[in-house]
PDB file of N, CA and C in Angstrom:
ATOM      1  N   UNK A   1     -10.132 -16.787   1.865  1.00  0.00           N
ATOM      2  CA  UNK A   1      -9.335 -15.921   2.420  1.00  0.00           C
ATOM      3  C   UNK A   1      -8.221 -15.133   1.605  1.00  0.00           C
ATOM      4  N   UNK A   2      -8.373 -13.803   1.605  1.00  0.00           N
ATOM      5  CA  UNK A   2      -7.314 -13.109   0.604  1.00  0.00           C
ATOM      6  C   UNK A   2      -6.135 -12.909   1.620  1.00  0.00           C
ATOM      7  N   UNK A   3      -4.863 -12.669   0.643  1.00  0.00           N
ATOM      8  CA  UNK A   3      -3.952 -12.324   1.203  1.00  0.00           C
ATOM      9  C   UNK A   3      -3.179 -10.913   0.603  1.00  0.00           C
ATOM     10  N   UNK A   4      -3.250  -9.901   1.847  1.00  0.00           N
ATOM     11  CA  UNK A   4      -2.622  -8.706   1.391  1.00  0.00           C
ATOM     12  C   UNK A   4      -1.161  -8.444   2.019  1.00  0.00           C
ATOM     13  N   UNK A   5      -0.144  -7.869   1.193  1.00  0.00           N
ATOM     14  CA  UNK A   5       1.136  -7.884   1.436  1.00  0.00           C
ATOM     15  C   UNK A   5       1.427  -6.368   1.277  1.00  0.00           C
ATOM     16  N   UNK A   6       2.253  -6.127   2.162  1.00  0.00           N
ATOM     17  CA  UNK A   6       2.944  -4.538   2.013  1.00  0.00           C
ATOM     18  C   UNK A   6       4.573  -4.754   1.937  1.00  0.00           C
ATOM     19  N   UNK A   7       4.970  -4.189   0.916  1.00  0.00           N
ATOM     20  CA  UNK A   7       6.333  -4.282   0.725  1.00  0.00           C
ATOM     21  C   UNK A   7       6.956  -2.956   0.606  1.00  0.00           C
ATOM     22  N   UNK A   8       7.962  -2.578   1.332  1.00  0.00           N
ATOM     23  CA  UNK A   8       8.582  -1.104   1.624  1.00  0.00           C
ATOM     24  C   UNK A   8      10.128  -1.274   0.799  1.00  0.00           C
ATOM     25  N   UNK A   9      10.214  -0.525  -0.197  1.00  0.00           N
ATOM     26  CA  UNK A   9      11.602  -0.634  -0.975  1.00  0.00           C
ATOM     27  C   UNK A   9      12.152   0.994  -0.635  1.00  0.00           C
ATOM     28  N   UNK A  10      13.480   0.912  -0.324  1.00  0.00           N
ATOM     29  CA  UNK A  10      14.118   2.223  -0.234  1.00  0.00           C
ATOM     30  C   UNK A  10      15.237   2.343  -1.114  1.00  0.00           C
ATOM     31  N   UNK A  11      15.017   3.029  -2.135  1.00  0.00           N
ATOM     32  CA  UNK A  11      16.246   3.204  -3.250  1.00  0.00           C
ATOM     33  C   UNK A  11      17.380   3.849  -2.628  1.00  0.00           C
ATOM     34  N   UNK A  12      18.409   3.474  -3.368  1.00  0.00           N
ATOM     35  CA  UNK A  12      19.777   4.276  -3.150  1.00  0.00           C
ATOM     36  C   UNK A  12      19.494   5.370  -4.075  1.00  0.00           C
ATOM     37  N   UNK A  13      20.171   6.746  -3.471  1.00  0.00           N
ATOM     38  CA  UNK A  13      19.863   7.906  -3.853  1.00  0.00           C
ATOM     39  C   UNK A  13      19.934   8.152  -5.316  1.00  0.00           C
ATOM     40  N   UNK A  14      20.656   7.452  -5.793  1.00  0.00           N
ATOM     41  CA  UNK A  14      21.154   7.605  -7.482  1.00  0.00           C
ATOM     42  C   UNK A  14      20.523   6.714  -8.172  1.00  0.00           C
ATOM     43  N   UNK A  15      19.549   5.818  -7.785  1.00  0.00           N
ATOM     44  CA  UNK A  15      19.052   4.868  -8.393  1.00  0.00           C
ATOM     45  C   UNK A  15      17.272   4.965  -8.190  1.00  0.00           C
ATOM     46  N   UNK A  16      16.846   5.965  -7.624  1.00  0.00           N
ATOM     47  CA  UNK A  16      15.505   6.270  -7.636  1.00  0.00           C
ATOM     48  C   UNK A  16      14.463   5.847  -8.785  1.00  0.00           C
ATOM     49  N   UNK A  17      15.023   6.500  -9.957  1.00  0.00           N
ATOM     50  CA  UNK A  17      14.107   6.323 -11.200  1.00  0.00           C
ATOM     51  C   UNK A  17      14.311   4.938 -11.738  1.00  0.00           C
ATOM     52  N   UNK A  18      15.435   4.278 -11.447  1.00  0.00           N
ATOM     53  CA  UNK A  18      15.632   2.830 -11.991  1.00  0.00           C
ATOM     54  C   UNK A  18      14.822   2.051 -11.243  1.00  0.00           C
ATOM     55  N   UNK A  19      14.862   2.118  -9.766  1.00  0.00           N
ATOM     56  CA  UNK A  19      13.828   1.386  -9.182  1.00  0.00           C
ATOM     57  C   UNK A  19      12.361   1.764  -9.380  1.00  0.00           C
ATOM     58  N   UNK A  20      11.824   2.849  -9.453  1.00  0.00           N
ATOM     59  CA  UNK A  20      10.635   3.298  -9.806  1.00  0.00           C
ATOM     60  C   UNK A  20      10.104   2.196 -11.334  1.00  0.00           C
ATOM     61  N   UNK A  21      11.033   2.421 -12.184  1.00  0.00           N
ATOM     62  CA  UNK A  21      10.812   1.880 -13.535  1.00  0.00           C
ATOM     63  C   UNK A  21      10.719   0.291 -13.359  1.00  0.00           C
ATOM     64  N   UNK A  22      11.489  -0.240 -12.799  1.00  0.00           N
ATOM     65  CA  UNK A  22      11.483  -1.511 -12.390  1.00  0.00           C
ATOM     66  C   UNK A  22      10.003  -2.186 -11.608  1.00  0.00           C
ATOM     67  N   UNK A  23       9.575  -1.246 -10.550  1.00  0.00           N
ATOM     68  CA  UNK A  23       8.562  -1.811  -9.799  1.00  0.00           C
ATOM     69  C   UNK A  23       7.225  -1.451 -10.924  1.00  0.00           C
ATOM     70  N   UNK A  24       7.276  -0.379 -11.381  1.00  0.00           N
ATOM     71  CA  UNK A  24       6.228   0.087 -12.248  1.00  0.00           C
ATOM     72  C   UNK A  24       6.041  -1.163 -13.283  1.00  0.00           C
ATOM     73  N   UNK A  25       7.126  -1.646 -13.786  1.00  0.00           N
ATOM     74  CA  UNK A  25       6.715  -2.839 -14.796  1.00  0.00           C
ATOM     75  C   UNK A  25       5.690  -4.068 -14.068  1.00  0.00           C
ATOM     76  N   UNK A  26       5.943  -4.162 -12.783  1.00  0.00           N
ATOM     77  CA  UNK A  26       5.289  -5.254 -12.252  1.00  0.00           C
ATOM     78  C   UNK A  26       3.593  -4.854 -12.202  1.00  0.00           C
ATOM     79  N   UNK A  27       3.240  -3.756 -12.287  1.00  0.00           N
ATOM     80  CA  UNK A  27       1.727  -3.098 -12.003  1.00  0.00           C
ATOM     81  C   UNK A  27       0.965  -4.150 -13.086  1.00  0.00           C
ATOM     82  N   UNK A  28       0.988  -3.780 -14.304  1.00  0.00           N
ATOM     83  CA  UNK A  28      -0.046  -4.314 -15.146  1.00  0.00           C
ATOM     84  C   UNK A  28       0.085  -5.761 -15.320  1.00  0.00           C
ATOM     85  N   UNK A  29       1.111  -6.411 -15.437  1.00  0.00           N
ATOM     86  CA  UNK A  29       1.531  -7.691 -15.533  1.00  0.00           C
ATOM     87  C   UNK A  29       0.903  -8.442 -14.087  1.00  0.00           C
ATOM     88  N   UNK A  30       1.052  -7.904 -13.135  1.00  0.00           N
ATOM     89  CA  UNK A  30       0.459  -8.524 -11.991  1.00  0.00           C
ATOM     90  C   UNK A  30      -1.137  -8.380 -11.893  1.00  0.00           C
ATOM     91  N   UNK A  31      -1.532  -7.163 -12.188  1.00  0.00           N
ATOM     92  CA  UNK A  31      -2.964  -7.160 -12.287  1.00  0.00           C
ATOM     93  C   UNK A  31      -3.559  -7.943 -13.219  1.00  0.00           C
ATOM     94  N   UNK A  32      -3.036  -8.345 -14.172  1.00  0.00           N
ATOM     95  CA  UNK A  32      -3.530  -9.166 -15.164  1.00  0.00           C
ATOM     96  C   UNK A  32      -3.485 -10.618 -14.649  1.00  0.00           C
ATOM     97  N   UNK A  33      -2.982 -11.044 -13.579  1.00  0.00           N
ATOM     98  CA  UNK A  33      -2.770 -12.486 -13.224  1.00  0.00           C
ATOM     99  C   UNK A  33      -4.110 -13.120 -12.680  1.00  0.00           C
ATOM    100  N   UNK A  34      -4.203 -13.956 -12.665  1.00  0.00           N
ATOM    101  CA  UNK A  34      -5.647 -14.718 -12.126  1.00  0.00           C
ATOM    102  C   UNK A  34      -5.537 -14.551 -10.755  1.00  0.00           C
ATOM    103  N   UNK A  35      -6.334 -14.111  -9.826  1.00  0.00           N
ATOM    104  CA  UNK A  35      -6.310 -14.178  -8.405  1.00  0.00           C
ATOM    105  C   UNK A  35      -5.883 -12.906  -8.018  1.00  0.00           C
ATOM    106  N   UNK A  36      -5.585 -11.715  -8.808  1.00  0.00           N
ATOM    107  CA  UNK A  36      -4.886 -10.408  -8.355  1.00  0.00           C
ATOM    108  C   UNK A  36      -6.032  -9.825  -8.063  1.00  0.00           C
ATOM    109  N   UNK A  37      -6.095  -9.123  -6.825  1.00  0.00           N
ATOM    110  CA  UNK A  37      -7.255  -8.365  -6.693  1.00  0.00           C
ATOM    111  C   UNK A  37      -6.856  -6.916  -6.620  1.00  0.00           C
ATOM    112  N   UNK A  38      -5.652  -6.507  -6.154  1.00  0.00           N
ATOM    113  CA  UNK A  38      -5.188  -5.364  -5.921  1.00  0.00           C
ATOM    114  C   UNK A  38      -3.440  -5.318  -6.117  1.00  0.00           C
ATOM    115  N   UNK A  39      -3.150  -4.390  -6.737  1.00  0.00           N
ATOM    116  CA  UNK A  39      -1.736  -4.206  -7.104  1.00  0.00           C
ATOM    117  C   UNK A  39      -1.500  -2.953  -7.473  1.00  0.00           C
ATOM    118  N   UNK A  40      -0.725  -2.025  -6.437  1.00  0.00           N
ATOM    119  CA  UNK A  40      -0.574  -0.797  -6.466  1.00  0.00           C
ATOM    120  C   UNK A  40       0.830  -0.350  -5.658  1.00  0.00           C
ATOM    121  N   UNK A  41       1.627   0.771  -6.357  1.00  0.00           N
ATOM    122  CA  UNK A  41       2.784   1.076  -6.197  1.00  0.00           C
ATOM    123  C   UNK A  41       2.677   2.800  -5.502  1.00  0.00           C
ATOM    124  N   UNK A  42       3.116   2.787  -4.603  1.00  0.00           N
ATOM    125  CA  UNK A  42       3.114   4.447  -4.267  1.00  0.00           C
ATOM    126  C   UNK A  42       4.732   4.911  -3.982  1.00  0.00           C
ATOM    127  N   UNK A  43       4.953   6.380  -4.238  1.00  0.00           N
ATOM    128  CA  UNK A  43       6.161   6.634  -3.913  1.00  0.00           C
ATOM    129  C   UNK A  43       5.820   7.860  -2.826  1.00  0.00           C
ATOM    130  N   UNK A  44       6.630   7.986  -1.533  1.00  0.00           N
ATOM    131  CA  UNK A  44       6.146   8.538  -0.782  1.00  0.00           C
ATOM    132  C   UNK A  44       6.743  10.017  -1.037  1.00  0.00           C
ATOM    133  N   UNK A  45       5.923  11.165  -0.969  1.00  0.00           N
ATOM    134  CA  UNK A  45       5.946  12.199  -1.550  1.00  0.00           C
ATOM    135  C   UNK A  45       7.132  12.966  -0.960  1.00  0.00           C
ATOM    136  N   UNK A  46       7.399  13.106   0.514  1.00  0.00           N
ATOM    137  CA  UNK A  46       8.270  13.519   1.324  1.00  0.00           C
ATOM    138  C   UNK A  46       9.425  12.675   1.430  1.00  0.00           C
ATOM    139  N   UNK A  47       9.538  11.562   0.922  1.00  0.00           N
ATOM    140  CA  UNK A  47      10.692  10.588   0.994  1.00  0.00           C
ATOM    141  C   UNK A  47      10.659   9.782  -0.290  1.00  0.00           C
ATOM    142  N   UNK A  48      11.173  10.604  -1.271  1.00  0.00           N
ATOM    143  CA  UNK A  48      11.137  10.246  -2.678  1.00  0.00           C
ATOM    144  C   UNK A  48      12.003   8.896  -2.906  1.00  0.00           C
ATOM    145  N   UNK A  49      12.722   8.355  -2.039  1.00  0.00           N
ATOM    146  CA  UNK A  49      13.634   7.275  -1.982  1.00  0.00           C
ATOM    147  C   UNK A  49      12.787   6.134  -1.607  1.00  0.00           C
ATOM    148  N   UNK A  50      11.499   6.493  -1.022  1.00  0.00           N
ATOM    149  CA  UNK A  50      10.816   5.112  -0.510  1.00  0.00           C
ATOM    150  C   UNK A  50       9.445   4.905  -1.292  1.00  0.00           C
ATOM    151  N   UNK A  51       9.379   3.587  -1.728  1.00  0.00           N
ATOM    152  CA  UNK A  51       8.206   3.150  -2.402  1.00  0.00           C
ATOM    153  C   UNK A  51       7.419   1.980  -1.522  1.00  0.00           C
ATOM    154  N   UNK A  52       6.061   1.926  -1.656  1.00  0.00           N
ATOM    155  CA  UNK A  52       5.418   1.000  -0.917  1.00  0.00           C
ATOM    156  C   UNK A  52       4.568   0.290  -1.980  1.00  0.00           C
ATOM    157  N   UNK A  53       4.731  -1.059  -2.059  1.00  0.00           N
ATOM    158  CA  UNK A  53       3.841  -1.723  -2.692  1.00  0.00           C
ATOM    159  C   UNK A  53       2.722  -2.541  -2.080  1.00  0.00           C
ATOM    160  N   UNK A  54       1.282  -2.381  -2.343  1.00  0.00           N
ATOM    161  CA  UNK A  54       0.302  -3.042  -1.619  1.00  0.00           C
ATOM    162  C   UNK A  54      -0.172  -4.079  -2.682  1.00  0.00           C
ATOM    163  N   UNK A  55      -0.366  -5.180  -2.231  1.00  0.00           N
ATOM    164  CA  UNK A  55      -0.828  -6.381  -3.300  1.00  0.00           C
ATOM    165  C   UNK A  55      -1.882  -7.093  -2.550  1.00  0.00           C
ATOM    166  N   UNK A  56      -3.076  -7.392  -3.150  1.00  0.00           N
ATOM    167  CA  UNK A  56      -3.758  -8.501  -2.716  1.00  0.00           C
ATOM    168  C   UNK A  56      -4.155  -9.483  -3.553  1.00  0.00           C
ATOM    169  N   UNK A  57      -4.219 -10.956  -3.083  1.00  0.00           N
ATOM    170  CA  UNK A  57      -4.404 -11.794  -3.836  1.00  0.00           C
ATOM    171  C   UNK A  57      -5.448 -12.621  -3.335  1.00  0.00           C
ATOM    172  N   UNK A  58      -6.528 -13.350  -4.035  1.00  0.00           N
ATOM    173  CA  UNK A  58      -7.595 -13.962  -3.482  1.00  0.00           C
ATOM    174  C   UNK A  58      -7.267 -15.112  -2.719  1.00  0.00           C
ATOM    175  N   UNK A  59      -6.109 -15.783  -2.671  1.00  0.00           N
ATOM    176  CA  UNK A  59      -5.652 -16.811  -1.915  1.00  0.00           C
ATOM    177  C   UNK A  59      -4.145 -17.131  -1.996  1.00  0.00           C
ATOM    178  N   UNK A  60      -3.608 -17.994  -1.257  1.00  0.00           N
ATOM    179  CA  UNK A  60      -2.248 -18.226  -1.038  1.00  0.00           C
ATOM    180  C   UNK A  60      -1.853 -18.759  -2.190  1.00  0.00           C
ATOM    181  N   UNK A  61      -2.514 -19.689  -3.004  1.00  0.00           N
ATOM    182  CA  UNK A  61      -2.113 -20.160  -4.373  1.00  0.00           C
ATOM    183  C   UNK A  61      -2.131 -19.238  -5.151  1.00  0.00           C
ATOM    184  N   UNK A  62      -3.080 -18.140  -5.472  1.00  0.00           N
ATOM    185  CA  UNK A  62      -2.531 -17.293  -6.363  1.00  0.00           C
ATOM    186  C   UNK A  62      -1.417 -16.283  -6.080  1.00  0.00           C
ATOM    187  N   UNK A  63      -1.137 -15.994  -4.810  1.00  0.00           N
ATOM    188  CA  UNK A  63       0.163 -15.459  -4.636  1.00  0.00           C
ATOM    189  C   UNK A  63       1.276 -16.410  -4.994  1.00  0.00           C
ATOM    190  N   UNK A  64       1.333 -17.497  -4.685  1.00  0.00           N
ATOM    191  CA  UNK A  64       2.342 -18.470  -5.079  1.00  0.00           C
ATOM    192  C   UNK A  64       2.297 -18.600  -6.584  1.00  0.00           C
ATOM    193  N   UNK A  65       1.331 -18.342  -7.253  1.00  0.00           N
ATOM    194  CA  UNK A  65       1.423 -18.473  -8.718  1.00  0.00           C
ATOM    195  C   UNK A  65       2.083 -17.163  -9.259  1.00  0.00           C
ATOM    196  N   UNK A  66       1.837 -15.944  -8.465  1.00  0.00           N
ATOM    197  CA  UNK A  66       2.510 -14.836  -8.968  1.00  0.00           C
ATOM    198  C   UNK A  66       3.972 -14.936  -8.794  1.00  0.00           C
ATOM    199  N   UNK A  67       4.316 -15.617  -7.664  1.00  0.00           N
ATOM    200  CA  UNK A  67       5.939 -15.823  -7.617  1.00  0.00           C
ATOM    201  C   UNK A  67       6.474 -16.553  -8.632  1.00  0.00           C
ATOM    202  N   UNK A  68       5.905 -17.320  -9.361  1.00  0.00           N
ATOM    203  CA  UNK A  68       6.247 -18.283 -10.438  1.00  0.00           C
ATOM    204  C   UNK A  68       6.133 -17.601 -11.904  1.00  0.00           C
ATOM    205  N   UNK A  69       5.818 -16.310 -11.861  1.00  0.00           N
ATOM    206  CA  UNK A  69       5.744 -15.553 -13.123  1.00  0.00           C
ATOM    207  C   UNK A  69       6.975 -14.995 -13.827  1.00  0.00           C
ATOM    208  N   UNK A  70       7.025 -14.825 -14.895  1.00  0.00           N
ATOM    209  CA  UNK A  70       8.141 -14.247 -15.745  1.00  0.00           C
ATOM    210  C   UNK A  70       8.612 -12.860 -15.187  1.00  0.00           C
ATOM    211  N   UNK A  71       7.451 -12.086 -15.104  1.00  0.00           N
ATOM    212  CA  UNK A  71       7.683 -10.760 -14.745  1.00  0.00           C
ATOM    213  C   UNK A  71       8.283 -10.491 -13.073  1.00  0.00           C
ATOM    214  N   UNK A  72       7.690 -11.462 -12.228  1.00  0.00           N
ATOM    215  CA  UNK A  72       8.229 -11.382 -10.989  1.00  0.00           C
ATOM    216  C   UNK A  72       9.827 -12.167 -10.990  1.00  0.00           C
ATOM    217  N   UNK A  73      10.197 -12.999 -11.774  1.00  0.00           N
ATOM    218  CA  UNK A  73      11.649 -13.433 -11.658  1.00  0.00           C
ATOM    219  C   UNK A  73      12.475 -12.308 -12.322  1.00  0.00           C
ATOM    220  N   UNK A  74      12.021 -11.502 -13.357  1.00  0.00           N
ATOM    221  CA  UNK A  74      12.746 -10.532 -13.778  1.00  0.00           C
ATOM    222  C   UNK A  74      13.052  -9.342 -12.735  1.00  0.00           C
ATOM    223  N   UNK A  75      11.759  -9.070 -11.763  1.00  0.00           N
ATOM    224  CA  UNK A  75      12.054  -8.265 -10.948  1.00  0.00           C
ATOM    225  C   UNK A  75      12.807  -8.687  -9.552  1.00  0.00           C
ATOM    226  N   UNK A  76      12.850  -9.851  -9.212  1.00  0.00           N
ATOM    227  CA  UNK A  76      13.608 -10.376  -8.268  1.00  0.00           C
ATOM    228  C   UNK A  76      15.276 -10.632  -8.631  1.00  0.00           C
ATOM    229  N   UNK A  77      15.027 -10.640  -9.792  1.00  0.00           N
ATOM    230  CA  UNK A  77      16.620 -10.914 -10.361  1.00  0.00           C
ATOM    231  C   UNK A  77      17.437  -9.525 -10.646  1.00  0.00           C
ATOM    232  N   UNK A  78      16.566  -8.197 -10.301  1.00  0.00           N
ATOM    233  CA  UNK A  78      17.054  -7.112 -10.832  1.00  0.00           C
ATOM    234  C   UNK A  78      16.979  -5.770  -9.807  1.00  0.00           C
ATOM    235  N   UNK A  79      16.118  -6.054  -8.811  1.00  0.00           N
ATOM    236  CA  UNK A  79      15.914  -5.155  -7.802  1.00  0.00           C
ATOM    237  C   UNK A  79      16.856  -4.592  -6.825  1.00  0.00           C
ATOM    238  N   UNK A  80      17.777  -5.625  -6.451  1.00  0.00           N
ATOM    239  CA  UNK A  80      18.765  -5.631  -5.475  1.00  0.00           C
ATOM    240  C   UNK A  80      19.920  -4.410  -5.629  1.00  0.00           C
ATOM    241  N   UNK A  81      20.533  -4.081  -6.934  1.00  0.00           N
ATOM    242  CA  UNK A  81      21.231  -3.156  -7.322  1.00  0.00           C
ATOM    243  C   UNK A  81      20.672  -1.662  -7.010  1.00  0.00           C
ATOM    244  N   UNK A  82      19.554  -1.430  -6.928  1.00  0.00           N
ATOM    245  CA  UNK A  82      18.791   0.011  -6.953  1.00  0.00           C
ATOM    246  C   UNK A  82      18.573   0.022  -5.567  1.00  0.00           C
ATOM    247  N   UNK A  83      18.414  -0.908  -4.627  1.00  0.00           N
ATOM    248  CA  UNK A  83      17.674  -0.866  -3.063  1.00  0.00           C
ATOM    249  C   UNK A  83      18.851  -0.778  -2.214  1.00  0.00           C
ATOM    250  N   UNK A  84      18.517   0.280  -1.403  1.00  0.00           N
ATOM    251  CA  UNK A  84      19.333   0.346  -0.215  1.00  0.00           C
ATOM    252  C   UNK A  84      18.570  -0.448   1.097  1.00  0.00           C
ATOM    253  N   UNK A  85      17.383  -0.765   0.891  1.00  0.00           N
ATOM    254  CA  UNK A  85      16.756  -1.561   2.051  1.00  0.00           C
ATOM    255  C   UNK A  85      15.265  -2.044   1.645  1.00  0.00           C
ATOM    256  N   UNK A  86      14.865  -3.047   2.037  1.00  0.00           N
ATOM    257  CA  UNK A  86      13.532  -3.644   1.714  1.00  0.00           C
ATOM    258  C   UNK A  86      13.031  -4.122   2.992  1.00  0.00           C
ATOM    259  N   UNK A  87      11.652  -3.986   3.171  1.00  0.00           N
ATOM    260  CA  UNK A  87      10.878  -4.292   4.147  1.00  0.00           C
ATOM    261  C   UNK A  87       9.528  -5.142   3.846  1.00  0.00           C
ATOM    262  N   UNK A  88       9.254  -6.174   4.403  1.00  0.00           N
ATOM    263  CA  UNK A  88       8.199  -6.896   3.782  1.00  0.00           C
ATOM    264  C   UNK A  88       7.155  -7.386   4.997  1.00  0.00           C
ATOM    265  N   UNK A  89       5.705  -6.993   5.233  1.00  0.00           N
ATOM    266  CA  UNK A  89       4.727  -7.502   5.838  1.00  0.00           C
ATOM    267  C   UNK A  89       3.808  -8.340   5.151  1.00  0.00           C
ATOM    268  N   UNK A  90       3.374  -9.279   5.645  1.00  0.00           N
ATOM    269  CA  UNK A  90       2.452 -10.236   5.029  1.00  0.00           C
ATOM    270  C   UNK A  90       1.298 -10.251   5.869  1.00  0.00           C
ATOM    271  N   UNK A  91       0.018  -9.466   5.577  1.00  0.00           N
ATOM    272  CA  UNK A  91      -1.418  -9.493   6.360  1.00  0.00           C
ATOM    273  C   UNK A  91      -2.147 -10.440   5.808  1.00  0.00           C
ATOM    274  N   UNK A  92      -2.810 -11.163   6.565  1.00  0.00           N
ATOM    275  CA  UNK A  92      -3.899 -12.017   6.123  1.00  0.00           C
ATOM    276  C   UNK A  92      -5.204 -11.400   6.305  1.00  0.00           C
ATOM    277  N   UNK A  93      -5.975 -11.053   5.427  1.00  0.00           N
ATOM    278  CA  UNK A  93      -7.236 -10.371   5.682  1.00  0.00           C
ATOM    279  C   UNK A  93      -8.433 -11.260   5.502  1.00  0.00           C
ATOM    280  N   UNK A  94      -9.485 -11.183   6.094  1.00  0.00           N
ATOM    281  CA  UNK A  94     -10.609 -11.972   5.774  1.00  0.00           C
ATOM    282  C   UNK A  94     -11.570 -11.615   5.081  1.00  0.00           C
ATOM    283  N   UNK A  95     -12.335 -12.815   4.396  1.00  0.00           N
ATOM    284  CA  UNK A  95     -13.357 -11.947   3.433  1.00  0.00           C
ATOM    285  C   UNK A  95     -13.098 -12.666   2.033  1.00  0.00           C
TER     286      UNK A  95
END
């Protein structure tokens, strides 16, 4: 069973580019991880402070491995100063 997560970040008005750069550093590193099926970041066109991260992992253990990576630790320790709000939904998809 694969795991799909949607995470929404709302940047502080003065930190849009900093948050975008930080989130962008996650894309290639995450896609290279074992068990990553999808990892994309979207910036909402009519709400430029809002970013949506969609990620799919082949299993819960793959997602847990991702959370142990160096790039994840870097992101976790640096996103809060740039972020006004964060929402997370975890969806379980079959297949």
